[in-house]
Amino acid sequence: MHLIKTNNRIFRYSHTIGSQSPGGPGFRYPVDLALTKDDIIYVVNRGHDGEEAHRISVLTTDSEYIGQFGSNGDADGQFIWPVAIAVDKNGLVYLADEWLNRISVYDCDVDFGGLDFEQKNFLFRWGLAGSTQGQISAPAGLAFDSNDNLYISEGDNHRVSKFTKSGKFLMTFGTKGSSPGQFDTPWGITIDDKGFIYVADWGNDRVQKFTSEGDYLMEFGIPGDVPGKLRSPSSLAVDRDGDVYITDWWNNKVEIYAEDGSHLSTLIGHAEEVSKWGKAYLENNPSDVANRNLVTDFEPEYRFMMPSSVAVNDQGYVFIVDSIRFRIQVYQKTRKSDGLELTL
């Protein structure tokens, strides 16, 4: 068991979910995930251009595969460059398509019945491509506030726009640049329990924090390649303590900051054990087992490679999309208080 101890916090590596697969149990270039209160995970598989691996995988936090939906294309319910996913209070799933510049909405309270490429759970879509207010261009991140309004980070428009969940435009903030409150290709976005907005400012190698009205408050991180610094941050999450988790995409790590912006710890990936899905694959593919037996150093395989998304739940678990390795690495955070170790 791997433990990372710092500032009265302990991060335990828990387990890994996933393996490489174009369909069924497994992922193909996963880029984002969304958690629900009932321990369901939705994972966006971007796949390669032109292949039929584009889909949303549905599973539980303990690796039970439920099903999948969606496919490659521009018809209703399909997507070409799926990039971000979020779930509203009613359990509806919202998916951003970076190529088609639209938001597709799905009702996932259905019986998937295993493999399912039909669009039976598609409800509606919205979004107009462009740069004027109310239009979107290269939507890259999605986050709901406590009122179920949807905030969208727009990579090409270098801003954040706020809509109702049915697509009515409400407000926008941000312009292209590197000054406080400006963006250069923003990617991930999240909203904490207090309503503060955090944006992964990908091109500026930082994370910025705003009020719910888009007023600039502070920023996390400075450019660099060593622990505590950032290079092309892609996603972020905030736990109940206010600790901020940032996937440091180019540096292949996850940086953790306290609410005041001080650096707490760095996660590098600890997937030394093959996942449940990976073991099932190897049991059915003995030739791959023979090939793995020839490997003398598995150390690189344990580590993150371009982690693209992170999410946390109320039980203190941290879910990190390890994109190029087709998996999710899971940690659990605990804290020491008055000599007792408490799980958050």
Protein backbone atom coordinates (compact mmCIF):
# COMPACT_ATOMS: atom_id res chain seq x y z
CA MET A 1 0.00 0.00 0.00
CA HIS A 2 1.39 3.38 -1.01
CA LEU A 3 0.99 6.26 1.43
CA ILE A 4 1.77 9.90 0.73
CA LYS A 5 1.80 11.85 4.00
CA THR A 6 1.81 15.64 4.18
CA ASN A 7 0.30 18.46 6.27
CA ASN A 8 -1.91 16.15 8.38
CA ARG A 9 -3.22 14.51 5.23
CA ILE A 10 -2.60 10.98 4.02
CA PHE A 11 -3.21 9.88 0.43
CA ARG A 12 -3.49 6.11 0.00
CA TYR A 13 -3.38 4.47 -3.39
CA SER A 14 -6.58 2.38 -3.52
CA HIS A 15 -7.06 0.65 -6.87
CA THR A 16 -7.13 1.02 -10.63
CA ILE A 17 -10.11 0.74 -12.98
CA GLY A 18 -9.80 0.01 -16.67
CA SER A 19 -7.85 -1.54 -19.52
CA GLN A 20 -7.50 -0.77 -23.21
CA SER A 21 -10.55 -1.76 -25.22
CA PRO A 22 -12.53 -0.23 -28.13
CA GLY A 23 -15.78 -1.39 -26.50
CA GLY A 24 -17.22 -3.08 -23.45
CA PRO A 25 -15.23 -3.20 -20.19
CA GLY A 26 -12.25 -0.99 -20.92
CA PHE A 27 -11.39 2.48 -22.20
CA ARG A 28 -10.00 4.03 -25.36
CA TYR A 29 -8.27 7.35 -24.65
CA PRO A 30 -10.53 8.40 -21.77
CA VAL A 31 -10.49 12.19 -21.27
CA ASP A 32 -13.08 13.01 -18.60
CA LEU A 33 -15.35 11.46 -15.99
CA ALA A 34 -18.35 12.40 -13.87
CA LEU A 35 -19.38 10.89 -10.53
CA THR A 36 -22.90 10.50 -9.16
CA LYS A 37 -24.07 10.25 -5.55
CA ASP A 38 -24.90 6.57 -6.04
CA ASP A 39 -21.32 5.62 -6.98
CA ILE A 40 -21.80 5.56 -10.75
CA ILE A 41 -19.00 6.81 -13.01
CA TYR A 42 -19.49 8.10 -16.55
CA VAL A 43 -16.27 8.08 -18.59
CA VAL A 44 -15.77 9.92 -21.89
CA ASN A 45 -13.81 7.82 -24.40
CA ARG A 46 -12.46 10.07 -27.10
CA GLY A 47 -10.84 7.32 -29.16
CA HIS A 48 -8.85 8.00 -32.31
CA ASP A 49 -10.25 9.95 -35.24
CA GLY A 50 -12.16 7.64 -37.56
CA GLU A 51 -12.46 4.67 -35.22
CA GLU A 52 -15.60 3.37 -33.55
CA ALA A 53 -14.37 3.67 -29.99
CA HIS A 54 -16.12 6.97 -29.21
CA ARG A 55 -18.50 6.22 -26.37
CA ILE A 56 -19.51 6.92 -22.80
CA SER A 57 -18.65 4.05 -20.47
CA VAL A 58 -20.84 3.51 -17.42
CA LEU A 59 -19.47 1.69 -14.38
CA THR A 60 -19.39 1.69 -10.60
CA THR A 61 -16.64 3.00 -8.37
CA ASP A 62 -15.69 -0.60 -7.49
CA SER A 63 -15.09 -1.58 -11.15
CA GLU A 64 -18.43 -3.16 -12.02
CA TYR A 65 -19.17 -2.54 -15.70
CA ILE A 66 -22.76 -1.42 -16.44
CA GLY A 67 -22.81 -0.51 -20.12
CA GLN A 68 -22.08 2.20 -22.66
CA PHE A 69 -23.83 4.58 -25.02
CA GLY A 70 -23.05 6.91 -27.91
CA SER A 71 -21.01 6.51 -31.08
CA ASN A 72 -18.94 8.45 -33.59
CA GLY A 73 -20.85 10.81 -35.90
CA ASP A 74 -22.78 14.06 -36.09
CA ALA A 75 -26.34 12.71 -35.74
CA ASP A 76 -28.37 13.33 -32.60
CA GLY A 77 -26.76 11.54 -29.68
CA GLN A 78 -23.47 11.04 -31.52
CA PHE A 79 -20.22 12.94 -31.10
CA ILE A 80 -16.94 13.54 -32.92
CA TRP A 81 -14.61 15.07 -30.31
CA PRO A 82 -16.24 14.34 -26.95
CA VAL A 83 -14.28 16.15 -24.27
CA ALA A 84 -16.24 16.89 -21.07
CA ILE A 85 -19.14 15.44 -19.09
CA ALA A 86 -21.30 16.54 -16.14
CA VAL A 87 -24.42 15.28 -14.36
CA ASP A 88 -27.24 17.55 -13.15
CA LYS A 89 -29.35 17.16 -9.99
CA ASN A 90 -31.89 15.03 -11.86
CA GLY A 91 -29.26 12.59 -13.07
CA LEU A 92 -29.26 13.81 -16.68
CA VAL A 93 -25.89 13.56 -18.38
CA TYR A 94 -24.45 16.52 -20.34
CA LEU A 95 -21.68 15.95 -22.88
CA ALA A 96 -19.58 18.64 -24.61
CA ASP A 97 -18.41 18.03 -28.18
CA GLU A 98 -15.34 20.13 -28.97
CA TRP A 99 -15.69 19.65 -32.75
CA LEU A 100 -19.44 20.05 -33.17
CA ASN A 101 -19.61 22.89 -30.61
CA ARG A 102 -22.68 21.54 -28.90
CA ILE A 103 -23.97 20.07 -25.66
CA SER A 104 -25.86 16.76 -25.87
CA VAL A 105 -28.13 15.64 -23.05
CA TYR A 106 -28.94 12.03 -22.15
CA ASP A 107 -31.30 10.27 -19.77
CA CYS A 108 -29.26 7.43 -18.36
CA ASP A 109 -31.95 5.96 -16.12
CA VAL A 110 -32.29 3.05 -18.53
CA ASP A 111 -31.35 -0.61 -18.70
CA PHE A 112 -28.20 -0.65 -20.80
CA GLY A 113 -28.30 -4.38 -21.26
CA GLY A 114 -24.56 -4.69 -21.78
CA LEU A 115 -23.15 -3.37 -25.05
CA ASP A 116 -25.48 -0.76 -26.49
CA PHE A 117 -24.64 1.63 -29.31
CA GLU A 118 -28.23 2.78 -29.82
CA GLN A 119 -29.19 6.38 -29.10
CA LYS A 120 -32.28 5.44 -27.10
CA ASN A 121 -31.27 7.60 -24.13
CA PHE A 122 -30.56 10.81 -26.10
CA LEU A 123 -32.93 13.65 -25.11
CA PHE A 124 -31.87 16.88 -26.82
CA ARG A 125 -28.91 19.07 -27.71
CA TRP A 126 -28.10 22.75 -27.79
CA GLY A 127 -25.33 25.15 -28.72
CA LEU A 128 -24.48 27.44 -31.63
CA ALA A 129 -20.90 27.71 -32.87
CA GLY A 130 -19.39 31.18 -32.78
CA SER A 131 -17.70 33.85 -30.70
CA THR A 132 -20.53 36.24 -29.83
CA GLN A 133 -22.22 36.04 -26.43
CA GLY A 134 -24.43 32.96 -26.20
CA GLN A 135 -22.42 31.05 -28.80
CA ILE A 136 -19.69 28.52 -27.98
CA SER A 137 -16.43 27.47 -29.58
CA ALA A 138 -14.42 24.43 -28.53
CA PRO A 139 -16.25 23.70 -25.26
CA ALA A 140 -13.66 21.98 -23.08
CA GLY A 141 -15.03 21.78 -19.52
CA LEU A 142 -18.45 21.55 -17.86
CA ALA A 143 -19.56 22.25 -14.29
CA PHE A 144 -22.96 22.71 -12.63
CA ASP A 145 -23.54 25.17 -9.81
CA SER A 146 -25.95 24.64 -6.90
CA ASN A 147 -28.81 26.03 -9.00
CA ASP A 148 -28.13 23.59 -11.85
CA ASN A 149 -26.80 26.29 -14.13
CA LEU A 150 -24.07 25.03 -16.45
CA TYR A 151 -20.68 26.75 -16.76
CA ILE A 152 -18.68 25.99 -19.92
CA SER A 153 -15.00 26.73 -20.44
CA GLU A 154 -14.45 27.60 -24.11
CA GLY A 155 -11.00 26.86 -25.48
CA ASP A 156 -11.22 28.85 -28.70
CA ASN A 157 -13.09 31.80 -27.19
CA HIS A 158 -10.80 31.93 -24.13
CA ARG A 159 -13.67 32.50 -21.72
CA VAL A 160 -16.22 30.88 -19.44
CA SER A 161 -19.92 31.07 -20.32
CA LYS A 162 -22.90 30.36 -18.08
CA PHE A 163 -26.14 28.83 -19.37
CA THR A 164 -29.27 27.33 -17.92
CA LYS A 165 -29.23 23.59 -18.34
CA SER A 166 -31.68 23.95 -21.24
CA GLY A 167 -29.21 26.20 -23.06
CA LYS A 168 -30.36 29.77 -22.30
CA PHE A 169 -27.38 32.11 -22.15
CA LEU A 170 -26.88 33.93 -18.82
CA MET A 171 -23.41 35.50 -18.67
CA THR A 172 -19.77 35.19 -19.69
CA PHE A 173 -16.38 36.26 -18.32
CA GLY A 174 -12.79 36.20 -19.49
CA THR A 175 -10.83 37.26 -22.57
CA LYS A 176 -7.64 36.01 -24.21
CA GLY A 177 -4.47 36.98 -22.37
CA SER A 178 -2.25 36.23 -19.41
CA SER A 179 -3.34 38.89 -16.93
CA PRO A 180 -5.47 37.98 -13.89
CA GLY A 181 -8.94 37.02 -15.09
CA GLN A 182 -7.79 36.32 -18.64
CA PHE A 183 -7.35 32.89 -20.24
CA ASP A 184 -5.31 31.08 -22.84
CA THR A 185 -7.23 28.00 -23.98
CA PRO A 186 -9.02 27.16 -20.71
CA TRP A 187 -9.78 23.46 -20.26
CA GLY A 188 -11.21 22.02 -17.05
CA ILE A 189 -13.63 23.81 -14.73
CA THR A 190 -15.16 22.99 -11.35
CA ILE A 191 -17.29 24.69 -8.68
CA ASP A 192 -16.77 24.09 -4.97
CA ASP A 193 -19.36 23.81 -2.19
CA LYS A 194 -19.14 27.56 -1.56
CA GLY A 195 -19.91 28.43 -5.18
CA PHE A 196 -16.40 29.50 -6.15
CA ILE A 197 -15.34 28.69 -9.71
CA TYR A 198 -11.94 27.20 -10.57
CA VAL A 199 -10.63 27.13 -14.14
CA ALA A 200 -7.64 25.21 -15.50
CA ASP A 201 -5.94 27.92 -17.58
CA TRP A 202 -4.14 25.44 -19.81
CA GLY A 203 -2.08 27.80 -21.95
CA ASN A 204 -1.02 29.97 -19.02
CA ASP A 205 0.10 27.05 -16.81
CA ARG A 206 -2.10 28.03 -13.88
CA VAL A 207 -5.49 27.62 -12.20
CA GLN A 208 -7.63 30.68 -11.51
CA LYS A 209 -10.36 31.08 -8.89
CA PHE A 210 -13.43 33.30 -9.35
CA THR A 211 -16.65 34.24 -7.62
CA SER A 212 -19.91 32.90 -9.01
CA GLU A 213 -20.23 36.18 -10.95
CA GLY A 214 -16.84 35.77 -12.59
CA ASP A 215 -14.83 38.18 -10.43
CA TYR A 216 -11.17 37.19 -10.17
CA LEU A 217 -9.95 36.12 -6.70
CA MET A 218 -6.59 34.33 -6.93
CA GLU A 219 -4.52 31.82 -8.86
CA PHE A 220 -2.69 28.56 -8.12
CA GLY A 221 0.62 27.43 -9.49
CA ILE A 222 3.48 28.85 -11.52
CA PRO A 223 4.98 27.41 -14.72
CA GLY A 224 7.54 24.67 -14.25
CA ASP A 225 8.33 20.96 -14.34
CA VAL A 226 9.06 20.19 -10.69
CA PRO A 227 6.60 19.28 -7.91
CA GLY A 228 4.41 22.22 -6.99
CA LYS A 229 4.60 23.79 -10.45
CA LEU A 230 2.31 23.35 -13.44
CA ARG A 231 2.63 22.72 -17.15
CA SER A 232 -0.63 22.69 -19.12
CA PRO A 233 -3.14 21.86 -16.33
CA SER A 234 -6.15 20.08 -17.78
CA SER A 235 -8.68 19.50 -15.00
CA LEU A 236 -9.34 20.10 -11.32
CA ALA A 237 -11.54 19.18 -8.40
CA VAL A 238 -12.12 20.57 -4.90
CA ASP A 239 -12.92 18.36 -1.91
CA ARG A 240 -14.95 19.17 1.18
CA ASP A 241 -11.87 20.55 2.96
CA GLY A 242 -11.23 22.99 0.16
CA ASP A 243 -8.14 21.11 -1.07
CA VAL A 244 -7.66 21.59 -4.80
CA TYR A 245 -6.55 18.69 -7.05
CA ILE A 246 -5.07 19.63 -10.43
CA THR A 247 -4.17 17.23 -13.23
CA ASP A 248 -0.82 18.55 -14.44
CA TRP A 249 -1.22 17.14 -17.93
CA TRP A 250 2.16 17.78 -19.51
CA ASN A 251 4.13 16.94 -16.35
CA ASN A 252 2.32 13.60 -15.85
CA LYS A 253 1.30 14.25 -12.25
CA VAL A 254 -1.45 15.55 -10.00
CA GLU A 255 -0.72 18.56 -7.82
CA ILE A 256 -2.65 19.21 -4.60
CA TYR A 257 -3.02 22.68 -3.10
CA ALA A 258 -4.67 23.97 0.07
CA GLU A 259 -7.49 26.48 -0.13
CA ASP A 260 -5.05 29.35 0.46
CA GLY A 261 -2.95 28.33 -2.55
CA SER A 262 -0.10 26.68 -0.65
CA HIS A 263 1.23 23.48 -2.17
CA LEU A 264 0.43 20.28 -0.24
CA SER A 265 1.53 17.25 -2.19
CA THR A 266 2.15 15.61 -5.55
CA LEU A 267 0.74 12.32 -6.87
CA ILE A 268 2.68 10.53 -9.62
CA GLY A 269 0.64 7.31 -10.02
CA HIS A 270 1.06 4.00 -8.20
CA ALA A 271 -0.78 1.40 -10.32
CA GLU A 272 1.47 -1.53 -9.50
CA GLU A 273 -1.39 -4.04 -9.53
CA VAL A 274 -3.20 -4.88 -12.76
CA SER A 275 -6.83 -3.77 -12.66
CA LYS A 276 -9.77 -6.15 -12.39
CA TRP A 277 -10.58 -5.59 -16.06
CA GLY A 278 -6.93 -6.02 -17.01
CA LYS A 279 -6.73 -9.35 -15.19
CA ALA A 280 -9.84 -10.59 -17.01
CA TYR A 281 -8.27 -9.60 -20.33
CA LEU A 282 -5.01 -11.39 -19.56
CA GLU A 283 -6.83 -14.55 -18.51
CA ASN A 284 -8.34 -14.70 -21.99
CA ASN A 285 -5.18 -13.69 -23.85
CA PRO A 286 -2.26 -15.93 -22.78
CA SER A 287 0.00 -14.58 -25.53
CA ASP A 288 -0.12 -11.15 -23.90
CA VAL A 289 0.77 -12.73 -20.56
CA ALA A 290 3.86 -14.21 -22.21
CA ASN A 291 4.80 -10.80 -23.61
CA ARG A 292 4.40 -9.17 -20.19
CA ASN A 293 6.67 -11.79 -18.68
CA LEU A 294 9.46 -10.47 -20.90
CA VAL A 295 9.25 -6.99 -19.37
CA THR A 296 11.99 -6.33 -16.83
CA ASP A 297 10.94 -2.88 -15.58
CA PHE A 298 7.28 -2.05 -14.97
CA GLU A 299 8.05 1.20 -13.16
CA PRO A 300 6.97 3.48 -16.08
CA GLU A 301 3.66 1.62 -16.32
CA TYR A 302 2.78 2.46 -12.72
CA ARG A 303 2.97 6.22 -13.32
CA PHE A 304 0.53 8.67 -14.84
CA MET A 305 0.83 9.51 -18.50
CA MET A 306 -0.97 12.72 -19.45
CA PRO A 307 -3.67 12.60 -16.75
CA SER A 308 -6.61 14.53 -18.15
CA SER A 309 -9.31 14.67 -15.45
CA VAL A 310 -9.87 14.36 -11.71
CA ALA A 311 -12.96 14.05 -9.51
CA VAL A 312 -13.56 13.53 -5.78
CA ASN A 313 -16.47 12.08 -3.82
CA ASP A 314 -17.77 12.57 -0.30
CA GLN A 315 -15.98 9.44 0.94
CA GLY A 316 -12.58 11.00 0.28
CA TYR A 317 -11.80 9.04 -2.87
CA VAL A 318 -9.92 10.77 -5.67
CA PHE A 319 -10.47 9.46 -9.22
CA ILE A 320 -7.80 10.37 -11.79
CA VAL A 321 -8.22 9.70 -15.51
CA ASP A 322 -4.87 8.33 -16.69
CA SER A 323 -5.65 8.97 -20.34
CA ILE A 324 -2.79 7.49 -22.35
CA ARG A 325 -2.76 4.39 -20.12
CA PHE A 326 -6.52 3.79 -20.60
CA ARG A 327 -7.40 3.67 -16.92
CA ILE A 328 -8.50 5.48 -13.78
CA GLN A 329 -6.22 5.50 -10.75
CA VAL A 330 -8.02 5.86 -7.42
CA TYR A 331 -6.64 7.26 -4.16
CA GLN A 332 -8.26 7.85 -0.79
CA LYS A 333 -7.55 10.86 1.38
CA THR A 334 -7.62 10.77 5.18
CA ARG A 335 -6.70 13.35 7.81
CA LYS A 336 -5.22 13.12 11.28
CA SER A 337 -7.15 15.02 13.91
CA ASP A 338 -6.47 14.86 17.65
CA GLY A 339 -4.37 11.74 17.15
CA LEU A 340 -7.10 9.94 15.23
CA GLU A 341 -7.02 9.12 11.53
CA LEU A 342 -10.31 10.22 9.96
CA THR A 343 -11.54 9.41 6.48
CA LEU A 344 -13.12 12.42 4.77
